[in-house]
Amino acid sequence: MSKINNFNMKLAAKITSGVSTMWCAYLFAAIALISLPAAIKSHDLITIVAWVAQTFLQLVLLSIIMVGQSVSSASVEQKINETHDASLGEFELAKEARALANLELAELKKLAADIHRVLKDIEGKDK
């Protein structure tokens, strides 16, 4: 990756992490409120609605939505990690069960060989 791309990625990450905070939402709300008196003094419903929709909601909701996404992704990440840990635990249990089954199978094979040997000995004595 080029130095410019690397810089752009780092800058974008910094800006995103800054904008996706409730403090940024409070700052944006304060900035939006600066123009509220002018919108109200206009006595124009369209200007007031435009202020609410275009100024206040867009500025403030941007940060709040980003905070919500961060909370949601953290929750999903936690569930993924818990599922991964549980899967690893199950895998270890399965490995232990397989090792135990292999030991039992080896013992059964040894017993079967012993039984065959004893039966051959008995057959040999009967003749």
C-alpha atoms as a PDB file:
ATOM      1  CA  MET A   1       0.000   0.000   0.000  1.00  0.00           C
ATOM      2  CA  SER A   2       1.359   3.417  -0.863  1.00  0.00           C
ATOM      3  CA  LYS A   3       2.207   5.991   1.784  1.00  0.00           C
ATOM      4  CA  ILE A   4      -0.697   8.187   0.662  1.00  0.00           C
ATOM      5  CA  ASN A   5      -3.179   5.321   0.912  1.00  0.00           C
ATOM      6  CA  ASN A   6      -1.784   4.380   4.306  1.00  0.00           C
ATOM      7  CA  PHE A   7      -2.130   7.993   5.489  1.00  0.00           C
ATOM      8  CA  ASN A   8      -5.684   8.181   4.115  1.00  0.00           C
ATOM      9  CA  MET A   9      -6.678   4.976   5.910  1.00  0.00           C
ATOM     10  CA  LYS A  10      -5.232   6.174   9.216  1.00  0.00           C
ATOM     11  CA  LEU A  11      -6.875   9.592   8.860  1.00  0.00           C
ATOM     12  CA  ALA A  12     -10.236   8.032   7.988  1.00  0.00           C
ATOM     13  CA  ALA A  13      -9.995   5.711  11.007  1.00  0.00           C
ATOM     14  CA  LYS A  14      -9.178   8.661  13.313  1.00  0.00           C
ATOM     15  CA  ILE A  15     -12.047  10.774  11.960  1.00  0.00           C
ATOM     16  CA  THR A  16     -14.483   7.862  12.163  1.00  0.00           C
ATOM     17  CA  SER A  17     -13.512   7.051  15.745  1.00  0.00           C
ATOM     18  CA  GLY A  18     -13.904  10.733  16.663  1.00  0.00           C
ATOM     19  CA  VAL A  19     -17.257  11.231  14.950  1.00  0.00           C
ATOM     20  CA  SER A  20     -18.694   8.020  16.378  1.00  0.00           C
ATOM     21  CA  THR A  21     -18.819   9.309  19.970  1.00  0.00           C
ATOM     22  CA  MET A  22     -21.622  10.815  21.986  1.00  0.00           C
ATOM     23  CA  TRP A  23     -19.378  13.804  22.692  1.00  0.00           C
ATOM     24  CA  CYS A  24     -19.310  14.518  18.978  1.00  0.00           C
ATOM     25  CA  ALA A  25     -23.122  14.226  18.904  1.00  0.00           C
ATOM     26  CA  TYR A  26     -23.318  16.792  21.717  1.00  0.00           C
ATOM     27  CA  LEU A  27     -20.930  19.086  19.842  1.00  0.00           C
ATOM     28  CA  PHE A  28     -22.944  18.751  16.630  1.00  0.00           C
ATOM     29  CA  ALA A  29     -26.165  19.488  18.568  1.00  0.00           C
ATOM     30  CA  ALA A  30     -24.598  22.639  20.003  1.00  0.00           C
ATOM     31  CA  ILE A  31     -23.428  23.740  16.540  1.00  0.00           C
ATOM     32  CA  ALA A  32     -26.885  23.075  15.090  1.00  0.00           C
ATOM     33  CA  LEU A  33     -28.576  25.013  17.890  1.00  0.00           C
ATOM     34  CA  ILE A  34     -26.623  28.139  16.922  1.00  0.00           C
ATOM     35  CA  SER A  35     -28.780  28.531  13.820  1.00  0.00           C
ATOM     36  CA  LEU A  36     -32.074  27.629  15.538  1.00  0.00           C
ATOM     37  CA  PRO A  37     -32.989  31.216  16.568  1.00  0.00           C
ATOM     38  CA  ALA A  38     -32.630  32.395  12.968  1.00  0.00           C
ATOM     39  CA  ALA A  39     -34.838  29.566  11.735  1.00  0.00           C
ATOM     40  CA  ILE A  40     -37.494  30.392  14.332  1.00  0.00           C
ATOM     41  CA  LYS A  41     -37.345  34.145  13.607  1.00  0.00           C
ATOM     42  CA  SER A  42     -38.051  33.438   9.951  1.00  0.00           C
ATOM     43  CA  HIS A  43     -41.582  32.278  10.895  1.00  0.00           C
ATOM     44  CA  ASP A  44     -41.360  30.101   7.795  1.00  0.00           C
ATOM     45  CA  LEU A  45     -42.503  26.526   8.426  1.00  0.00           C
ATOM     46  CA  ILE A  46     -40.375  25.217   5.580  1.00  0.00           C
ATOM     47  CA  THR A  47     -37.268  26.892   7.010  1.00  0.00           C
ATOM     48  CA  ILE A  48     -37.963  25.444  10.477  1.00  0.00           C
ATOM     49  CA  VAL A  49     -38.603  21.958   9.073  1.00  0.00           C
ATOM     50  CA  ALA A  50     -35.480  22.253   6.947  1.00  0.00           C
ATOM     51  CA  TRP A  51     -33.473  23.246  10.026  1.00  0.00           C
ATOM     52  CA  VAL A  52     -34.776  20.231  11.952  1.00  0.00           C
ATOM     53  CA  ALA A  53     -34.273  17.778   9.093  1.00  0.00           C
ATOM     54  CA  GLN A  54     -31.170  19.092   7.393  1.00  0.00           C
ATOM     55  CA  THR A  55     -29.292  20.746  10.195  1.00  0.00           C
ATOM     56  CA  PHE A  56     -30.159  19.163  13.504  1.00  0.00           C
ATOM     57  CA  LEU A  57     -31.121  15.590  12.601  1.00  0.00           C
ATOM     58  CA  GLN A  58     -28.397  15.053  10.018  1.00  0.00           C
ATOM     59  CA  LEU A  59     -25.633  16.404  12.216  1.00  0.00           C
ATOM     60  CA  VAL A  60     -26.687  14.793  15.482  1.00  0.00           C
ATOM     61  CA  LEU A  61     -28.035  11.503  14.172  1.00  0.00           C
ATOM     62  CA  LEU A  62     -24.852  10.876  12.190  1.00  0.00           C
ATOM     63  CA  SER A  63     -22.840  10.475  15.378  1.00  0.00           C
ATOM     64  CA  ILE A  64     -25.595   8.702  17.305  1.00  0.00           C
ATOM     65  CA  ILE A  65     -26.068   6.129  14.533  1.00  0.00           C
ATOM     66  CA  MET A  66     -22.315   5.536  14.411  1.00  0.00           C
ATOM     67  CA  VAL A  67     -22.243   5.048  18.202  1.00  0.00           C
ATOM     68  CA  GLY A  68     -25.119   2.571  17.896  1.00  0.00           C
ATOM     69  CA  GLN A  69     -23.291   0.675  15.172  1.00  0.00           C
ATOM     70  CA  SER A  70     -20.183   0.481  17.353  1.00  0.00           C
ATOM     71  CA  VAL A  71     -22.244  -0.884  20.247  1.00  0.00           C
ATOM     72  CA  SER A  72     -23.943  -3.407  17.965  1.00  0.00           C
ATOM     73  CA  SER A  73     -20.714  -4.564  16.377  1.00  0.00           C
ATOM     74  CA  ALA A  74     -19.087  -4.927  19.807  1.00  0.00           C
ATOM     75  CA  SER A  75     -22.018  -7.114  20.871  1.00  0.00           C
ATOM     76  CA  VAL A  76     -21.735  -9.232  17.721  1.00  0.00           C
ATOM     77  CA  GLU A  77     -17.967  -9.516  18.181  1.00  0.00           C
ATOM     78  CA  GLN A  78     -18.471 -10.683  21.767  1.00  0.00           C
ATOM     79  CA  LYS A  79     -20.950 -13.348  20.622  1.00  0.00           C
ATOM     80  CA  ILE A  80     -18.548 -14.481  17.898  1.00  0.00           C
ATOM     81  CA  ASN A  81     -15.715 -14.752  20.432  1.00  0.00           C
ATOM     82  CA  GLU A  82     -17.916 -16.675  22.874  1.00  0.00           C
ATOM     83  CA  THR A  83     -19.025 -19.040  20.104  1.00  0.00           C
ATOM     84  CA  HIS A  84     -15.416 -19.495  18.984  1.00  0.00           C
ATOM     85  CA  ASP A  85     -14.281 -20.254  22.526  1.00  0.00           C
ATOM     86  CA  ALA A  86     -17.140 -22.719  23.002  1.00  0.00           C
ATOM     87  CA  SER A  87     -16.310 -24.392  19.682  1.00  0.00           C
ATOM     88  CA  LEU A  88     -12.661 -24.737  20.683  1.00  0.00           C
ATOM     89  CA  GLY A  89     -13.771 -26.276  23.990  1.00  0.00           C
ATOM     90  CA  GLU A  90     -16.006 -28.737  22.171  1.00  0.00           C
ATOM     91  CA  PHE A  91     -13.180 -29.557  19.771  1.00  0.00           C
ATOM     92  CA  GLU A  92     -10.839 -30.304  22.675  1.00  0.00           C
ATOM     93  CA  LEU A  93     -13.480 -32.527  24.265  1.00  0.00           C
ATOM     94  CA  ALA A  94     -13.938 -34.345  20.952  1.00  0.00           C
ATOM     95  CA  LYS A  95     -10.163 -34.852  20.665  1.00  0.00           C
ATOM     96  CA  GLU A  96     -10.063 -36.269  24.193  1.00  0.00           C
ATOM     97  CA  ALA A  97     -13.021 -38.560  23.444  1.00  0.00           C
ATOM     98  CA  ARG A  98     -11.354 -39.761  20.250  1.00  0.00           C
ATOM     99  CA  ALA A  99      -8.084 -40.462  22.074  1.00  0.00           C
ATOM    100  CA  LEU A 100      -9.999 -42.413  24.730  1.00  0.00           C
ATOM    101  CA  ALA A 101     -11.908 -44.310  22.027  1.00  0.00           C
ATOM    102  CA  ASN A 102      -8.597 -45.161  20.310  1.00  0.00           C
ATOM    103  CA  LEU A 103      -7.202 -46.510  23.593  1.00  0.00           C
ATOM    104  CA  GLU A 104     -10.342 -48.560  24.152  1.00  0.00           C
ATOM    105  CA  LEU A 105     -10.173 -49.864  20.575  1.00  0.00           C
ATOM    106  CA  ALA A 106      -6.541 -50.897  21.071  1.00  0.00           C
ATOM    107  CA  GLU A 107      -7.510 -52.724  24.269  1.00  0.00           C
ATOM    108  CA  LEU A 108     -10.405 -54.447  22.475  1.00  0.00           C
ATOM    109  CA  LYS A 109      -8.092 -55.529  19.651  1.00  0.00           C
ATOM    110  CA  LYS A 110      -5.662 -56.941  22.204  1.00  0.00           C
ATOM    111  CA  LEU A 111      -8.496 -58.785  23.969  1.00  0.00           C
ATOM    112  CA  ALA A 112      -9.766 -60.140  20.647  1.00  0.00           C
ATOM    113  CA  ALA A 113      -6.265 -61.365  19.765  1.00  0.00           C
ATOM    114  CA  ASP A 114      -5.968 -63.002  23.194  1.00  0.00           C
ATOM    115  CA  ILE A 115      -9.376 -64.680  22.753  1.00  0.00           C
ATOM    116  CA  HIS A 116      -8.377 -65.968  19.282  1.00  0.00           C
ATOM    117  CA  ARG A 117      -5.123 -67.328  20.686  1.00  0.00           C
ATOM    118  CA  VAL A 118      -6.939 -69.061  23.535  1.00  0.00           C
ATOM    119  CA  LEU A 119      -9.493 -70.517  21.108  1.00  0.00           C
ATOM    120  CA  LYS A 120      -6.716 -71.798  18.834  1.00  0.00           C
ATOM    121  CA  ASP A 121      -5.003 -73.338  21.856  1.00  0.00           C
ATOM    122  CA  ILE A 122      -8.241 -75.043  22.852  1.00  0.00           C
ATOM    123  CA  GLU A 123      -8.808 -76.282  19.282  1.00  0.00           C
ATOM    124  CA  GLY A 124      -5.221 -77.572  19.175  1.00  0.00           C
ATOM    125  CA  LYS A 125      -5.684 -79.516  22.427  1.00  0.00           C
ATOM    126  CA  ASP A 126      -8.985 -81.014  21.227  1.00  0.00           C
ATOM    127  CA  LYS A 127      -7.329 -82.612  18.190  1.00  0.00           C
END
